[in-house]
């Protein structure tokens, strides 16, 4: 698990938002984000809605073409804005897959489950005949807890949890190494969420998969991730080992997120002080100067408005971007 499978350096994803020439405006959805994912591990990515988690995952797979930065997959540069490198992604689509957030929108309602799972097999020519194709489809459905009867049905005949399993089977069909799990449990019932997370863990152990697990539920991410990165308004604010982040977080925003995790023991829950943030998330069209979190931070000073905090490693594997990080 020491080998870096994916490396992202100074990744930027800006979307045009009107205006012309010098007045052209951009939504800075992902702004100078750097991290890596080791082979066989799960990196969790958390933050509130609109912070750029999903855009980071999709840009990393080049479903969105990055505005700037560098992406390295298994020691091969697949995108570099400075050197103008853009490799053809088709060979990498077999290695890098995604499970989308909405199991209702991500499956074509006019295709059978067998054809949905089999589409990638056809594109990458992974089966030599119809029987082999059918056998691969049934094996993928079996892996996610479905059976051969489900192959001839349509998405509307399934529950949300079953549809998400179909989405996972589709991602597994090309035998990938790396999967971006884009909030795969947020649209599911709580009872189903645990089943899907356990299935992800079993598949990882069985197939040696590497995950980027995106969610806004820190308690779920804590359960499945080896390391966790925290994003706020397009920036990565903290990244550390899962246990280290939960027990010894340094950034005020991370501490606020952790304080919101429900605790089952009422006695501990009463003693646990909830850190409520003031104000609303600023617009990504016009983010605050300096530190983007300063408008909601109880520790903000004049320095936070003038200077952007540097992304630095404060202890082994623990990174933070804050002028006044908390010890």
Protein backbone atom coordinates (compact mmCIF):
# COMPACT_ATOMS: atom_id res chain seq x y z
CA UNK A 1 0.00 0.00 0.00
CA UNK A 2 3.01 2.33 -0.23
CA UNK A 3 2.83 2.75 -4.01
CA UNK A 4 0.95 5.87 -5.17
CA UNK A 5 -1.66 4.88 -7.75
CA UNK A 6 -3.09 8.37 -8.34
CA UNK A 7 -1.38 11.72 -7.83
CA UNK A 8 -3.11 15.06 -8.30
CA UNK A 9 -1.02 18.23 -8.27
CA UNK A 10 -2.44 21.79 -8.21
CA UNK A 11 -5.69 20.68 -9.85
CA UNK A 12 -8.02 23.48 -10.96
CA UNK A 13 -11.49 23.30 -12.47
CA UNK A 14 -13.08 26.63 -13.38
CA UNK A 15 -16.48 26.84 -15.08
CA UNK A 16 -17.36 29.94 -17.18
CA UNK A 17 -20.21 31.94 -15.61
CA UNK A 18 -20.91 34.82 -18.00
CA UNK A 19 -19.18 38.06 -18.89
CA UNK A 20 -16.74 38.88 -21.69
CA UNK A 21 -13.04 39.71 -21.98
CA UNK A 22 -11.65 41.13 -18.75
CA UNK A 23 -15.07 40.89 -17.11
CA UNK A 24 -15.39 37.16 -17.75
CA UNK A 25 -16.38 35.39 -14.55
CA UNK A 26 -15.65 31.84 -13.41
CA UNK A 27 -16.97 29.49 -10.76
CA UNK A 28 -13.80 28.19 -9.11
CA UNK A 29 -15.22 24.75 -8.29
CA UNK A 30 -11.80 23.19 -7.61
CA UNK A 31 -8.93 25.58 -6.94
CA UNK A 32 -5.36 24.31 -6.50
CA UNK A 33 -6.02 20.91 -4.91
CA UNK A 34 -3.18 18.38 -4.41
CA UNK A 35 -3.36 14.83 -2.97
CA UNK A 36 -2.48 11.22 -3.73
CA UNK A 37 -4.18 7.85 -3.29
CA UNK A 38 -2.08 4.78 -2.52
CA UNK A 39 -2.72 1.47 -4.22
CA UNK A 40 -5.30 -0.59 -2.29
CA UNK A 41 -6.42 2.18 0.09
CA UNK A 42 -9.57 4.27 0.43
CA UNK A 43 -9.21 8.04 0.52
CA UNK A 44 -12.34 9.73 1.85
CA UNK A 45 -13.27 13.21 0.61
CA UNK A 46 -15.75 15.17 2.74
CA UNK A 47 -17.25 18.64 2.95
CA UNK A 48 -20.65 20.31 2.70
CA UNK A 49 -22.65 20.47 -0.54
CA UNK A 50 -21.06 22.63 -3.23
CA UNK A 51 -17.50 22.43 -1.88
CA UNK A 52 -16.13 20.75 -5.04
CA UNK A 53 -15.90 17.08 -3.98
CA UNK A 54 -17.80 15.64 -6.95
CA UNK A 55 -16.09 18.01 -9.39
CA UNK A 56 -12.70 16.84 -8.04
CA UNK A 57 -13.63 13.19 -8.65
CA UNK A 58 -14.96 13.82 -12.17
CA UNK A 59 -12.05 16.06 -13.13
CA UNK A 60 -9.58 13.45 -11.89
CA UNK A 61 -11.19 10.97 -14.33
CA UNK A 62 -11.23 13.71 -16.98
CA UNK A 63 -15.00 13.51 -17.37
CA UNK A 64 -14.48 17.27 -17.03
CA UNK A 65 -11.31 18.46 -18.78
CA UNK A 66 -9.17 20.14 -16.06
CA UNK A 67 -8.54 23.89 -16.31
CA UNK A 68 -5.01 23.43 -14.95
CA UNK A 69 -2.84 21.05 -12.94
CA UNK A 70 -1.31 17.63 -13.30
CA UNK A 71 -2.79 14.12 -12.98
CA UNK A 72 -0.53 11.06 -12.73
CA UNK A 73 -1.94 7.52 -12.86
CA UNK A 74 0.39 4.62 -12.02
CA UNK A 75 3.51 6.72 -12.80
CA UNK A 76 2.05 7.81 -16.18
CA UNK A 77 1.16 11.50 -16.68
CA UNK A 78 -2.35 11.55 -18.16
CA UNK A 79 -2.79 15.33 -17.96
CA UNK A 80 -0.35 18.21 -17.52
CA UNK A 81 -1.47 21.75 -18.35
CA UNK A 82 2.07 23.17 -18.26
CA UNK A 83 3.58 20.63 -20.65
CA UNK A 84 0.31 20.44 -22.63
CA UNK A 85 -0.01 16.67 -22.13
CA UNK A 86 -3.48 15.16 -22.72
CA UNK A 87 -3.38 11.42 -23.29
CA UNK A 88 -6.25 9.46 -24.86
CA UNK A 89 -8.37 8.26 -21.94
CA UNK A 90 -9.96 5.19 -23.57
CA UNK A 91 -7.27 2.71 -22.35
CA UNK A 92 -7.53 4.28 -18.87
CA UNK A 93 -11.33 3.96 -18.74
CA UNK A 94 -10.80 0.24 -18.09
CA UNK A 95 -8.59 1.03 -15.10
CA UNK A 96 -10.52 4.02 -13.70
CA UNK A 97 -14.26 3.85 -13.10
CA UNK A 98 -16.96 5.81 -11.27
CA UNK A 99 -20.09 4.93 -9.29
CA UNK A 100 -22.46 7.90 -9.62
CA UNK A 101 -24.41 9.50 -6.81
CA UNK A 102 -27.96 9.17 -8.12
CA UNK A 103 -28.94 5.58 -8.94
CA UNK A 104 -32.17 6.88 -10.54
CA UNK A 105 -30.48 9.23 -13.03
CA UNK A 106 -27.34 7.22 -13.85
CA UNK A 107 -29.07 4.17 -15.42
CA UNK A 108 -30.66 4.35 -18.89
CA UNK A 109 -34.39 3.52 -18.37
CA UNK A 110 -34.65 1.98 -21.89
CA UNK A 111 -31.87 -0.57 -21.38
CA UNK A 112 -32.08 -3.85 -19.50
CA UNK A 113 -29.78 -4.38 -16.53
CA UNK A 114 -27.80 -6.93 -18.58
CA UNK A 115 -27.18 -4.38 -21.36
CA UNK A 116 -26.27 -1.64 -18.87
CA UNK A 117 -23.60 -3.84 -17.29
CA UNK A 118 -22.59 -5.28 -20.68
CA UNK A 119 -22.13 -1.92 -22.44
CA UNK A 120 -18.59 -1.39 -21.12
CA UNK A 121 -17.73 -5.02 -21.97
CA UNK A 122 -18.75 -4.29 -25.58
CA UNK A 123 -16.86 -0.97 -25.80
CA UNK A 124 -13.60 -2.47 -24.50
CA UNK A 125 -14.13 -5.79 -26.38
CA UNK A 126 -13.67 -7.89 -23.25
CA UNK A 127 -15.79 -10.82 -24.45
CA UNK A 128 -15.07 -12.96 -27.54
CA UNK A 129 -18.65 -14.26 -27.90
CA UNK A 130 -22.18 -13.83 -26.53
CA UNK A 131 -21.86 -16.62 -23.97
CA UNK A 132 -18.69 -15.12 -22.48
CA UNK A 133 -20.36 -11.70 -22.37
CA UNK A 134 -23.40 -13.18 -20.59
CA UNK A 135 -21.19 -15.06 -18.12
CA UNK A 136 -19.27 -11.87 -17.21
CA UNK A 137 -22.55 -9.94 -16.71
CA UNK A 138 -24.02 -12.64 -14.43
CA UNK A 139 -20.76 -12.84 -12.44
CA UNK A 140 -20.78 -9.06 -11.90
CA UNK A 141 -24.41 -9.12 -10.76
CA UNK A 142 -23.62 -12.01 -8.40
CA UNK A 143 -20.74 -10.05 -6.89
CA UNK A 144 -23.07 -7.21 -5.91
CA UNK A 145 -25.81 -9.45 -4.49
CA UNK A 146 -28.11 -9.72 -7.55
CA UNK A 147 -28.81 -12.80 -9.69
CA UNK A 148 -29.34 -13.91 -13.30
CA UNK A 149 -33.10 -13.18 -13.17
CA UNK A 150 -32.33 -9.48 -12.74
CA UNK A 151 -30.41 -9.25 -16.05
CA UNK A 152 -33.58 -9.03 -18.21
CA UNK A 153 -35.36 -6.44 -16.06
CA UNK A 154 -35.38 -2.64 -16.44
CA UNK A 155 -34.16 -0.05 -13.88
CA UNK A 156 -37.70 1.08 -12.91
CA UNK A 157 -38.36 -2.42 -11.52
CA UNK A 158 -35.67 -1.99 -8.84
CA UNK A 159 -35.37 -0.16 -5.53
CA UNK A 160 -32.74 2.56 -5.00
CA UNK A 161 -30.37 0.18 -3.22
CA UNK A 162 -30.65 -2.42 -5.99
CA UNK A 163 -30.06 0.26 -8.66
CA UNK A 164 -26.93 1.39 -6.88
CA UNK A 165 -25.74 -2.23 -6.90
CA UNK A 166 -26.29 -2.26 -10.68
CA UNK A 167 -24.16 0.91 -10.91
CA UNK A 168 -21.41 -0.84 -8.94
CA UNK A 169 -21.67 -3.96 -11.15
CA UNK A 170 -21.31 -1.72 -14.23
CA UNK A 171 -18.15 -0.14 -12.77
CA UNK A 172 -16.71 -3.59 -11.95
CA UNK A 173 -17.46 -5.06 -15.41
CA UNK A 174 -14.15 -3.82 -16.91
CA UNK A 175 -12.10 -5.13 -13.96
CA UNK A 176 -10.84 -1.68 -12.84
CA UNK A 177 -8.08 -0.83 -10.36
CA UNK A 178 -9.45 2.51 -9.19
CA UNK A 179 -13.06 3.59 -8.54
CA UNK A 180 -14.37 7.06 -7.71
CA UNK A 181 -17.36 6.47 -5.42
CA UNK A 182 -19.33 9.72 -5.81
CA UNK A 183 -21.63 9.86 -2.77
CA UNK A 184 -22.82 6.29 -3.55
CA UNK A 185 -24.91 6.02 -0.37
CA UNK A 186 -26.44 9.50 0.01
CA UNK A 187 -29.61 8.63 -1.97
CA UNK A 188 -30.19 5.39 -0.02
CA UNK A 189 -32.06 4.49 3.17
CA UNK A 190 -29.88 4.30 6.28
CA UNK A 191 -30.42 0.52 6.60
CA UNK A 192 -29.25 0.03 2.98
CA UNK A 193 -26.25 2.38 3.42
CA UNK A 194 -24.51 -0.03 5.80
CA UNK A 195 -25.02 -2.95 3.38
CA UNK A 196 -23.54 -0.98 0.45
CA UNK A 197 -20.53 0.20 2.51
CA UNK A 198 -19.86 -3.38 3.65
CA UNK A 199 -20.10 -4.52 0.04
CA UNK A 200 -17.53 -1.89 -1.02
CA UNK A 201 -15.18 -3.16 1.69
CA UNK A 202 -15.66 -6.81 0.68
CA UNK A 203 -15.02 -5.99 -2.99
CA UNK A 204 -11.89 -4.07 -2.05
CA UNK A 205 -10.53 -7.03 -0.07
CA UNK A 206 -11.47 -9.50 -2.82
CA UNK A 207 -10.30 -7.53 -5.88
CA UNK A 208 -7.62 -5.24 -4.43
CA UNK A 209 -9.49 -2.08 -5.46
CA UNK A 210 -8.47 1.51 -4.70
CA UNK A 211 -11.25 4.03 -3.86
CA UNK A 212 -11.75 7.76 -3.76
CA UNK A 213 -14.85 7.78 -1.53
CA UNK A 214 -16.76 11.07 -1.75
CA UNK A 215 -19.47 11.84 0.83
CA UNK A 216 -20.75 14.56 3.12
CA UNK A 217 -21.51 12.07 5.91
CA UNK A 218 -18.31 11.99 7.95
CA UNK A 219 -19.47 9.01 10.06
CA UNK A 220 -19.74 6.82 6.91
CA UNK A 221 -16.40 8.06 5.54
CA UNK A 222 -14.72 7.43 8.91
CA UNK A 223 -15.86 3.80 8.75
CA UNK A 224 -14.53 2.98 5.26
CA UNK A 225 -11.52 5.30 4.75
CA UNK A 226 -7.82 4.87 5.52
CA UNK A 227 -7.23 8.61 5.11
CA UNK A 228 -9.66 11.54 4.91
CA UNK A 229 -9.41 14.86 3.07
CA UNK A 230 -11.66 17.80 3.98
CA UNK A 231 -12.73 20.34 1.33
CA UNK A 232 -14.24 23.79 1.71
CA UNK A 233 -15.26 26.06 -1.19
CA UNK A 234 -12.98 24.43 -3.76
CA UNK A 235 -9.94 24.13 -1.48
CA UNK A 236 -8.52 21.20 0.48
CA UNK A 237 -8.22 22.41 4.10
CA UNK A 238 -7.02 19.27 5.89
CA UNK A 239 -5.84 15.74 5.05
CA UNK A 240 -4.77 13.05 7.50
CA UNK A 241 -5.06 9.41 8.54
CA UNK A 242 -8.70 8.61 9.38
CA UNK A 243 -8.14 8.03 13.13
CA UNK A 244 -5.76 11.00 13.39
CA UNK A 245 -8.27 13.34 11.72
CA UNK A 246 -11.15 12.33 13.98
CA UNK A 247 -9.15 12.41 17.24
CA UNK A 248 -6.71 15.24 16.53
CA UNK A 249 -8.12 17.55 13.85
CA UNK A 250 -6.35 20.90 13.44
CA UNK A 251 -8.60 22.98 11.18
CA UNK A 252 -11.62 24.78 12.73
CA UNK A 253 -13.85 23.64 9.84
CA UNK A 254 -12.89 19.97 10.35
CA UNK A 255 -13.65 20.27 14.07
CA UNK A 256 -17.08 21.69 13.25
CA UNK A 257 -17.84 18.74 10.92
CA UNK A 258 -16.66 16.21 13.51
CA UNK A 259 -18.79 17.80 16.24
CA UNK A 260 -21.88 17.16 14.06
CA UNK A 261 -21.34 13.36 13.95
CA UNK A 262 -24.24 11.77 15.93
CA UNK A 263 -23.18 9.85 19.04
CA UNK A 264 -25.33 6.90 20.17
CA UNK A 265 -24.49 7.27 23.90
CA UNK A 266 -26.76 10.07 25.29
CA UNK A 267 -24.37 10.83 28.17
CA UNK A 268 -21.37 11.38 25.87
CA UNK A 269 -23.61 13.22 23.37
CA UNK A 270 -24.63 15.75 26.08
CA UNK A 271 -21.01 16.39 27.01
CA UNK A 272 -19.97 16.72 23.38
CA UNK A 273 -20.23 20.40 22.46
CA UNK A 274 -21.57 21.06 18.96
CA UNK A 275 -19.53 23.69 17.07
CA UNK A 276 -22.07 25.68 15.05
CA UNK A 277 -20.64 27.83 12.25
CA UNK A 278 -21.99 31.34 11.77
CA UNK A 279 -23.19 32.61 8.38
CA UNK A 280 -23.54 30.93 5.00
CA UNK A 281 -21.04 29.47 2.56
CA UNK A 282 -19.80 32.33 0.31
CA UNK A 283 -20.42 32.17 -3.44
CA UNK A 284 -17.73 30.30 -5.43
CA UNK A 285 -18.21 33.06 -8.05
CA UNK A 286 -16.80 35.58 -5.60
CA UNK A 287 -14.85 33.75 -2.87
CA UNK A 288 -13.35 35.70 0.08
CA UNK A 289 -9.78 36.97 -0.20
CA UNK A 290 -7.04 35.12 1.68
CA UNK A 291 -8.47 32.15 3.56
CA UNK A 292 -11.84 31.12 2.13
CA UNK A 293 -13.10 29.95 5.52
CA UNK A 294 -12.33 33.23 7.32
CA UNK A 295 -15.89 34.66 6.99
CA UNK A 296 -17.19 31.82 9.20
CA UNK A 297 -14.12 31.17 11.34
CA UNK A 298 -14.13 32.19 15.05
CA UNK A 299 -10.31 32.49 15.00
CA UNK A 300 -9.99 34.71 11.90
CA UNK A 301 -7.57 37.69 12.03
CA UNK A 302 -6.46 40.38 9.57
CA UNK A 303 -3.75 38.03 8.30
CA UNK A 304 -6.44 35.56 7.17
CA UNK A 305 -7.98 38.23 4.89
CA UNK A 306 -4.66 39.32 3.40
CA UNK A 307 -2.82 36.06 2.82
CA UNK A 308 -3.94 32.65 1.60
CA UNK A 309 -2.86 29.90 4.04
CA UNK A 310 -0.14 27.57 2.80
CA UNK A 311 -0.83 23.84 2.37
CA UNK A 312 1.74 22.24 4.68
CA UNK A 313 2.57 18.99 6.42
CA UNK A 314 2.52 19.67 10.17
CA UNK A 315 3.20 16.08 11.24
CA UNK A 316 3.81 12.80 9.39
CA UNK A 317 1.02 12.52 6.79
CA UNK A 318 -1.07 15.29 8.39
CA UNK A 319 -1.58 18.29 6.08
CA UNK A 320 -3.48 21.48 6.87
CA UNK A 321 -4.07 24.91 5.30
CA UNK A 322 -4.61 27.36 8.16
CA UNK A 323 -2.69 30.34 9.61
CA UNK A 324 -3.85 29.56 13.15
CA UNK A 325 -4.36 25.79 13.14
CA UNK A 326 -5.49 24.39 16.47
CA UNK A 327 -3.23 22.18 18.56
